[in-house]
């Protein structure tokens, strides 16, 4: 993985800070700081590989060509 971007509630993409790469075949930690008002929020994350290919929003199963789709969750920020 060459990079990760995150956006919240459909806003602009922010570049995440990548953790140390352990191995090219292992998951890689990343982080981004968010300042959100109280309430429900939906962040989305997308990765870019070493060839410059960025994940598309369309979901695809891992077999035969690898999974795709933006990872999305919903969280509630409290005051």
PDB file of N, CA and C in Angstrom:
ATOM      1  N   UNK A   1       0.846  -1.168   0.000  1.00  0.00           N
ATOM      2  CA  UNK A   1       0.000   0.000   0.000  1.00  0.00           C
ATOM      3  C   UNK A   1       0.893   1.233   0.000  1.00  0.00           C
ATOM      4  N   UNK A   2       0.488   2.192  -0.792  1.00  0.00           N
ATOM      5  CA  UNK A   2       1.263   3.418  -0.899  1.00  0.00           C
ATOM      6  C   UNK A   2       0.616   4.580  -0.161  1.00  0.00           C
ATOM      7  N   UNK A   3      -0.697   4.472   0.115  1.00  0.00           N
ATOM      8  CA  UNK A   3      -1.366   5.549   0.813  1.00  0.00           C
ATOM      9  C   UNK A   3      -2.797   5.198   1.172  1.00  0.00           C
ATOM     10  N   UNK A   4      -3.353   5.962   2.107  1.00  0.00           N
ATOM     11  CA  UNK A   4      -4.747   5.836   2.517  1.00  0.00           C
ATOM     12  C   UNK A   4      -5.313   7.241   2.620  1.00  0.00           C
ATOM     13  N   UNK A   5      -6.545   7.397   2.164  1.00  0.00           N
ATOM     14  CA  UNK A   5      -7.265   8.655   2.299  1.00  0.00           C
ATOM     15  C   UNK A   5      -8.582   8.366   3.013  1.00  0.00           C
ATOM     16  N   UNK A   6      -9.035   9.322   3.794  1.00  0.00           N
ATOM     17  CA  UNK A   6     -10.272   9.176   4.557  1.00  0.00           C
ATOM     18  C   UNK A   6     -11.113  10.433   4.338  1.00  0.00           C
ATOM     19  N   UNK A   7     -12.423  10.230   4.227  1.00  0.00           N
ATOM     20  CA  UNK A   7     -13.336  11.367   4.210  1.00  0.00           C
ATOM     21  C   UNK A   7     -14.497  11.043   5.141  1.00  0.00           C
ATOM     22  N   UNK A   8     -15.117  12.080   5.657  1.00  0.00           N
ATOM     23  CA  UNK A   8     -16.222  11.906   6.595  1.00  0.00           C
ATOM     24  C   UNK A   8     -17.444  12.631   6.056  1.00  0.00           C
ATOM     25  N   UNK A   9     -18.557  11.922   6.058  1.00  0.00           N
ATOM     26  CA  UNK A   9     -19.845  12.487   5.634  1.00  0.00           C
ATOM     27  C   UNK A   9     -19.806  13.059   4.216  1.00  0.00           C
ATOM     28  N   UNK A  10     -19.039  12.415   3.339  1.00  0.00           N
ATOM     29  CA  UNK A  10     -18.969  12.854   1.950  1.00  0.00           C
ATOM     30  C   UNK A  10     -18.123  14.082   1.711  1.00  0.00           C
ATOM     31  N   UNK A  11     -17.375  14.508   2.722  1.00  0.00           N
ATOM     32  CA  UNK A  11     -16.519  15.693   2.599  1.00  0.00           C
ATOM     33  C   UNK A  11     -15.261  15.417   1.794  1.00  0.00           C
ATOM     34  N   UNK A  12     -14.302  16.324   1.875  1.00  0.00           N
ATOM     35  CA  UNK A  12     -13.068  16.155   1.113  1.00  0.00           C
ATOM     36  C   UNK A  12     -12.206  15.014   1.668  1.00  0.00           C
ATOM     37  N   UNK A  13     -11.425  14.395   0.806  1.00  0.00           N
ATOM     38  CA  UNK A  13     -10.514  13.332   1.215  1.00  0.00           C
ATOM     39  C   UNK A  13      -9.331  13.936   1.964  1.00  0.00           C
ATOM     40  N   UNK A  14      -8.919  13.277   3.060  1.00  0.00           N
ATOM     41  CA  UNK A  14      -7.741  13.667   3.847  1.00  0.00           C
ATOM     42  C   UNK A  14      -6.727  12.539   3.770  1.00  0.00           C
ATOM     43  N   UNK A  15      -5.480  12.884   3.669  1.00  0.00           N
ATOM     44  CA  UNK A  15      -4.418  11.877   3.642  1.00  0.00           C
ATOM     45  C   UNK A  15      -4.175  11.370   5.055  1.00  0.00           C
ATOM     46  N   UNK A  16      -4.163  10.056   5.213  1.00  0.00           N
ATOM     47  CA  UNK A  16      -3.905   9.435   6.509  1.00  0.00           C
ATOM     48  C   UNK A  16      -2.397   9.232   6.695  1.00  0.00           C
ATOM     49  N   UNK A  17      -1.984   9.165   7.943  1.00  0.00           N
ATOM     50  CA  UNK A  17      -0.590   8.864   8.275  1.00  0.00           C
ATOM     51  C   UNK A  17      -0.437   7.351   8.344  1.00  0.00           C
ATOM     52  N   UNK A  18       0.524   6.815   7.596  1.00  0.00           N
ATOM     53  CA  UNK A  18       0.738   5.367   7.574  1.00  0.00           C
ATOM     54  C   UNK A  18       1.691   4.936   8.676  1.00  0.00           C
ATOM     55  N   UNK A  19       1.404   3.764   9.265  1.00  0.00           N
ATOM     56  CA  UNK A  19       2.308   3.161  10.226  1.00  0.00           C
ATOM     57  C   UNK A  19       3.451   2.478   9.493  1.00  0.00           C
ATOM     58  N   UNK A  20       4.359   1.914  10.250  1.00  0.00           N
ATOM     59  CA  UNK A  20       5.513   1.216   9.685  1.00  0.00           C
ATOM     60  C   UNK A  20       5.077  -0.024   8.919  1.00  0.00           C
ATOM     61  N   UNK A  21       5.655  -0.227   7.755  1.00  0.00           N
ATOM     62  CA  UNK A  21       5.353  -1.433   6.982  1.00  0.00           C
ATOM     63  C   UNK A  21       6.152  -2.597   7.551  1.00  0.00           C
ATOM     64  N   UNK A  22       5.448  -3.652   7.926  1.00  0.00           N
ATOM     65  CA  UNK A  22       6.095  -4.846   8.480  1.00  0.00           C
ATOM     66  C   UNK A  22       6.501  -5.778   7.351  1.00  0.00           C
ATOM     67  N   UNK A  23       5.603  -5.946   6.391  1.00  0.00           N
ATOM     68  CA  UNK A  23       5.813  -6.859   5.272  1.00  0.00           C
ATOM     69  C   UNK A  23       4.800  -6.473   4.195  1.00  0.00           C
ATOM     70  N   UNK A  24       5.148  -6.645   2.932  1.00  0.00           N
ATOM     71  CA  UNK A  24       4.235  -6.246   1.857  1.00  0.00           C
ATOM     72  C   UNK A  24       2.940  -7.052   1.860  1.00  0.00           C
ATOM     73  N   UNK A  25       2.932  -8.221   2.490  1.00  0.00           N
ATOM     74  CA  UNK A  25       1.735  -9.066   2.524  1.00  0.00           C
ATOM     75  C   UNK A  25       0.949  -8.945   3.824  1.00  0.00           C
ATOM     76  N   UNK A  26       1.275  -7.984   4.649  1.00  0.00           N
ATOM     77  CA  UNK A  26       0.590  -7.797   5.934  1.00  0.00           C
ATOM     78  C   UNK A  26      -0.242  -6.526   5.919  1.00  0.00           C
ATOM     79  N   UNK A  27      -1.273  -6.485   6.771  1.00  0.00           N
ATOM     80  CA  UNK A  27      -2.064  -5.284   6.955  1.00  0.00           C
ATOM     81  C   UNK A  27      -1.161  -4.167   7.468  1.00  0.00           C
ATOM     82  N   UNK A  28      -1.488  -2.957   7.124  1.00  0.00           N
ATOM     83  CA  UNK A  28      -0.682  -1.817   7.571  1.00  0.00           C
ATOM     84  C   UNK A  28      -1.566  -0.847   8.341  1.00  0.00           C
ATOM     85  N   UNK A  29      -1.105  -0.460   9.508  1.00  0.00           N
ATOM     86  CA  UNK A  29      -1.862   0.480  10.336  1.00  0.00           C
ATOM     87  C   UNK A  29      -1.798   1.880   9.704  1.00  0.00           C
ATOM     88  N   UNK A  30      -2.839   2.659   9.954  1.00  0.00           N
ATOM     89  CA  UNK A  30      -2.874   4.058   9.534  1.00  0.00           C
ATOM     90  C   UNK A  30      -3.753   4.809  10.517  1.00  0.00           C
ATOM     91  N   UNK A  31      -3.634   6.136  10.480  1.00  0.00           N
ATOM     92  CA  UNK A  31      -4.472   6.938  11.373  1.00  0.00           C
ATOM     93  C   UNK A  31      -4.742   8.297  10.735  1.00  0.00           C
ATOM     94  N   UNK A  32      -5.830   8.893  11.187  1.00  0.00           N
ATOM     95  CA  UNK A  32      -6.186  10.239  10.768  1.00  0.00           C
ATOM     96  C   UNK A  32      -6.917  10.875  11.946  1.00  0.00           C
ATOM     97  N   UNK A  33      -6.630  12.135  12.209  1.00  0.00           N
ATOM     98  CA  UNK A  33      -7.308  12.847  13.294  1.00  0.00           C
ATOM     99  C   UNK A  33      -8.532  13.549  12.733  1.00  0.00           C
ATOM    100  N   UNK A  34      -9.655  13.368  13.429  1.00  0.00           N
ATOM    101  CA  UNK A  34     -10.913  13.953  12.987  1.00  0.00           C
ATOM    102  C   UNK A  34     -11.458  14.870  14.063  1.00  0.00           C
ATOM    103  N   UNK A  35     -11.958  16.005  13.659  1.00  0.00           N
ATOM    104  CA  UNK A  35     -12.615  16.931  14.577  1.00  0.00           C
ATOM    105  C   UNK A  35     -14.050  17.058  14.091  1.00  0.00           C
ATOM    106  N   UNK A  36     -14.954  16.317  14.712  1.00  0.00           N
ATOM    107  CA  UNK A  36     -16.340  16.249  14.275  1.00  0.00           C
ATOM    108  C   UNK A  36     -17.267  16.768  15.361  1.00  0.00           C
ATOM    109  N   UNK A  37     -18.336  17.441  14.978  1.00  0.00           N
ATOM    110  CA  UNK A  37     -19.318  17.862  15.979  1.00  0.00           C
ATOM    111  C   UNK A  37     -20.079  16.636  16.506  1.00  0.00           C
ATOM    112  N   UNK A  38     -20.757  16.817  17.631  1.00  0.00           N
ATOM    113  CA  UNK A  38     -21.549  15.726  18.201  1.00  0.00           C
ATOM    114  C   UNK A  38     -22.576  15.247  17.181  1.00  0.00           C
ATOM    115  N   UNK A  39     -22.813  13.942  17.183  1.00  0.00           N
ATOM    116  CA  UNK A  39     -23.795  13.360  16.272  1.00  0.00           C
ATOM    117  C   UNK A  39     -23.225  12.191  15.507  1.00  0.00           C
ATOM    118  N   UNK A  40     -23.999  11.672  14.593  1.00  0.00           N
ATOM    119  CA  UNK A  40     -23.639  10.506  13.795  1.00  0.00           C
ATOM    120  C   UNK A  40     -22.801  10.918  12.581  1.00  0.00           C
ATOM    121  N   UNK A  41     -21.749  10.136  12.300  1.00  0.00           N
ATOM    122  CA  UNK A  41     -20.856  10.429  11.180  1.00  0.00           C
ATOM    123  C   UNK A  41     -20.484   9.144  10.453  1.00  0.00           C
ATOM    124  N   UNK A  42     -20.209   9.265   9.168  1.00  0.00           N
ATOM    125  CA  UNK A  42     -19.852   8.111   8.345  1.00  0.00           C
ATOM    126  C   UNK A  42     -18.526   8.366   7.640  1.00  0.00           C
ATOM    127  N   UNK A  43     -17.433   7.799   8.177  1.00  0.00           N
ATOM    128  CA  UNK A  43     -16.155   7.909   7.473  1.00  0.00           C
ATOM    129  C   UNK A  43     -16.019   6.804   6.420  1.00  0.00           C
ATOM    130  N   UNK A  44     -15.296   7.113   5.354  1.00  0.00           N
ATOM    131  CA  UNK A  44     -14.964   6.143   4.308  1.00  0.00           C
ATOM    132  C   UNK A  44     -13.456   6.184   4.124  1.00  0.00           C
ATOM    133  N   UNK A  45     -12.861   5.033   3.868  1.00  0.00           N
ATOM    134  CA  UNK A  45     -11.414   4.959   3.646  1.00  0.00           C
ATOM    135  C   UNK A  45     -11.140   4.253   2.329  1.00  0.00           C
ATOM    136  N   UNK A  46     -10.134   4.753   1.618  1.00  0.00           N
ATOM    137  CA  UNK A  46      -9.711   4.098   0.381  1.00  0.00           C
ATOM    138  C   UNK A  46      -8.188   4.054   0.352  1.00  0.00           C
ATOM    139  N   UNK A  47      -7.664   3.003  -0.214  1.00  0.00           N
ATOM    140  CA  UNK A  47      -6.209   2.811  -0.280  1.00  0.00           C
ATOM    141  C   UNK A  47      -5.725   2.960  -1.722  1.00  0.00           C
ATOM    142  N   UNK A  48      -4.468   3.340  -1.846  1.00  0.00           N
ATOM    143  CA  UNK A  48      -3.809   3.403  -3.147  1.00  0.00           C
ATOM    144  C   UNK A  48      -2.604   2.471  -3.097  1.00  0.00           C
ATOM    145  N   UNK A  49      -2.471   1.617  -4.121  1.00  0.00           N
ATOM    146  CA  UNK A  49      -1.360   0.662  -4.117  1.00  0.00           C
ATOM    147  C   UNK A  49      -0.106   1.269  -4.738  1.00  0.00           C
ATOM    148  N   UNK A  50       0.941   0.498  -4.784  1.00  0.00           N
ATOM    149  CA  UNK A  50       2.236   0.990  -5.283  1.00  0.00           C
ATOM    150  C   UNK A  50       2.236   1.307  -6.771  1.00  0.00           C
ATOM    151  N   UNK A  51       1.245   0.810  -7.511  1.00  0.00           N
ATOM    152  CA  UNK A  51       1.166   1.115  -8.940  1.00  0.00           C
ATOM    153  C   UNK A  51       0.373   2.389  -9.194  1.00  0.00           C
ATOM    154  N   UNK A  52      -0.151   3.006  -8.105  1.00  0.00           N
ATOM    155  CA  UNK A  52      -0.936   4.225  -8.241  1.00  0.00           C
ATOM    156  C   UNK A  52      -2.422   3.982  -8.404  1.00  0.00           C
ATOM    157  N   UNK A  53      -2.843   2.726  -8.307  1.00  0.00           N
ATOM    158  CA  UNK A  53      -4.255   2.373  -8.449  1.00  0.00           C
ATOM    159  C   UNK A  53      -4.982   2.594  -7.122  1.00  0.00           C
ATOM    160  N   UNK A  54      -6.038   3.409  -7.156  1.00  0.00           N
ATOM    161  CA  UNK A  54      -6.825   3.698  -5.955  1.00  0.00           C
ATOM    162  C   UNK A  54      -8.087   2.854  -5.960  1.00  0.00           C
ATOM    163  N   UNK A  55      -8.447   2.351  -4.780  1.00  0.00           N
ATOM    164  CA  UNK A  55      -9.666   1.556  -4.652  1.00  0.00           C
ATOM    165  C   UNK A  55     -10.869   2.334  -5.168  1.00  0.00           C
ATOM    166  N   UNK A  56     -11.762   1.631  -5.802  1.00  0.00           N
ATOM    167  CA  UNK A  56     -13.003   2.220  -6.285  1.00  0.00           C
ATOM    168  C   UNK A  56     -14.101   1.963  -5.255  1.00  0.00           C
ATOM    169  N   UNK A  57     -15.202   2.715  -5.309  1.00  0.00           N
ATOM    170  CA  UNK A  57     -16.263   2.504  -4.328  1.00  0.00           C
ATOM    171  C   UNK A  57     -17.024   1.197  -4.522  1.00  0.00           C
ATOM    172  N   UNK A  58     -16.972   0.611  -5.730  1.00  0.00           N
ATOM    173  CA  UNK A  58     -17.697  -0.624  -6.005  1.00  0.00           C
ATOM    174  C   UNK A  58     -17.125  -1.805  -5.236  1.00  0.00           C
ATOM    175  N   UNK A  59     -17.983  -2.553  -4.577  1.00  0.00           N
ATOM    176  CA  UNK A  59     -17.544  -3.705  -3.803  1.00  0.00           C
ATOM    177  C   UNK A  59     -17.306  -4.904  -4.712  1.00  0.00           C
ATOM    178  N   UNK A  60     -16.220  -5.637  -4.422  1.00  0.00           N
ATOM    179  CA  UNK A  60     -15.891  -6.861  -5.148  1.00  0.00           C
ATOM    180  C   UNK A  60     -15.329  -7.868  -4.158  1.00  0.00           C
ATOM    181  N   UNK A  61     -15.692  -9.119  -4.326  1.00  0.00           N
ATOM    182  CA  UNK A  61     -15.170 -10.195  -3.483  1.00  0.00           C
ATOM    183  C   UNK A  61     -13.682 -10.401  -3.754  1.00  0.00           C
ATOM    184  N   UNK A  62     -12.941 -10.970  -2.790  1.00  0.00           N
ATOM    185  CA  UNK A  62     -11.504 -11.148  -2.956  1.00  0.00           C
ATOM    186  C   UNK A  62     -11.104 -12.088  -4.094  1.00  0.00           C
ATOM    187  N   UNK A  63     -11.930 -13.053  -4.408  1.00  0.00           N
ATOM    188  CA  UNK A  63     -11.578 -14.015  -5.455  1.00  0.00           C
ATOM    189  C   UNK A  63     -12.322 -13.621  -6.722  1.00  0.00           C
ATOM    190  N   UNK A  64     -11.731 -13.485  -7.882  1.00  0.00           N
ATOM    191  CA  UNK A  64     -10.388 -13.934  -8.208  1.00  0.00           C
ATOM    192  C   UNK A  64      -9.321 -12.839  -8.214  1.00  0.00           C
ATOM    193  N   UNK A  65      -9.725 -11.551  -8.142  1.00  0.00           N
ATOM    194  CA  UNK A  65      -8.755 -10.474  -8.360  1.00  0.00           C
ATOM    195  C   UNK A  65      -8.498  -9.572  -7.161  1.00  0.00           C
ATOM    196  N   UNK A  66      -8.950  -9.944  -5.989  1.00  0.00           N
ATOM    197  CA  UNK A  66      -8.745  -9.113  -4.810  1.00  0.00           C
ATOM    198  C   UNK A  66      -9.966  -8.266  -4.508  1.00  0.00           C
ATOM    199  N   UNK A  67     -10.171  -8.022  -3.236  1.00  0.00           N
ATOM    200  CA  UNK A  67     -11.331  -7.251  -2.792  1.00  0.00           C
ATOM    201  C   UNK A  67     -11.200  -5.788  -3.187  1.00  0.00           C
ATOM    202  N   UNK A  68     -12.332  -5.136  -3.293  1.00  0.00           N
ATOM    203  CA  UNK A  68     -12.347  -3.702  -3.538  1.00  0.00           C
ATOM    204  C   UNK A  68     -13.538  -3.111  -2.811  1.00  0.00           C
ATOM    205  N   UNK A  69     -13.634  -1.811  -2.858  1.00  0.00           N
ATOM    206  CA  UNK A  69     -14.706  -1.087  -2.176  1.00  0.00           C
ATOM    207  C   UNK A  69     -14.137  -0.288  -1.026  1.00  0.00           C
ATOM    208  N   UNK A  70     -14.750   0.838  -0.745  1.00  0.00           N
ATOM    209  CA  UNK A  70     -14.292   1.694   0.347  1.00  0.00           C
ATOM    210  C   UNK A  70     -14.826   1.151   1.663  1.00  0.00           C
ATOM    211  N   UNK A  71     -13.955   1.057   2.663  1.00  0.00           N
ATOM    212  CA  UNK A  71     -14.377   0.624   3.988  1.00  0.00           C
ATOM    213  C   UNK A  71     -15.166   1.767   4.618  1.00  0.00           C
ATOM    214  N   UNK A  72     -16.346   1.442   5.144  1.00  0.00           N
ATOM    215  CA  UNK A  72     -17.233   2.448   5.720  1.00  0.00           C
ATOM    216  C   UNK A  72     -17.794   1.966   7.060  1.00  0.00           C
ATOM    217  N   UNK A  73     -17.842   2.840   8.017  1.00  0.00           N
ATOM    218  CA  UNK A  73     -18.495   2.556   9.298  1.00  0.00           C
ATOM    219  C   UNK A  73     -19.331   3.767   9.671  1.00  0.00           C
ATOM    220  N   UNK A  74     -20.107   3.637  10.729  1.00  0.00           N
ATOM    221  CA  UNK A  74     -20.848   4.768  11.278  1.00  0.00           C
ATOM    222  C   UNK A  74     -20.459   4.878  12.749  1.00  0.00           C
ATOM    223  N   UNK A  75     -20.171   6.102  13.216  1.00  0.00           N
ATOM    224  CA  UNK A  75     -19.870   6.297  14.629  1.00  0.00           C
ATOM    225  C   UNK A  75     -20.625   7.521  15.141  1.00  0.00           C
ATOM    226  N   UNK A  76     -20.767   7.598  16.440  1.00  0.00           N
ATOM    227  CA  UNK A  76     -21.420   8.737  17.071  1.00  0.00           C
ATOM    228  C   UNK A  76     -20.409   9.492  17.910  1.00  0.00           C
ATOM    229  N   UNK A  77     -20.203  10.761  17.594  1.00  0.00           N
ATOM    230  CA  UNK A  77     -19.323  11.625  18.377  1.00  0.00           C
ATOM    231  C   UNK A  77     -20.144  12.232  19.510  1.00  0.00           C
ATOM    232  N   UNK A  78     -19.577  12.243  20.677  1.00  0.00           N
ATOM    233  CA  UNK A  78     -20.268  12.808  21.838  1.00  0.00           C
ATOM    234  C   UNK A  78     -19.614  14.130  22.229  1.00  0.00           C
ATOM    235  N   UNK A  79     -20.437  15.042  22.776  1.00  0.00           N
ATOM    236  CA  UNK A  79     -19.889  16.360  23.152  1.00  0.00           C
ATOM    237  C   UNK A  79     -18.901  16.257  24.311  1.00  0.00           C
TER     238      UNK A  79
END
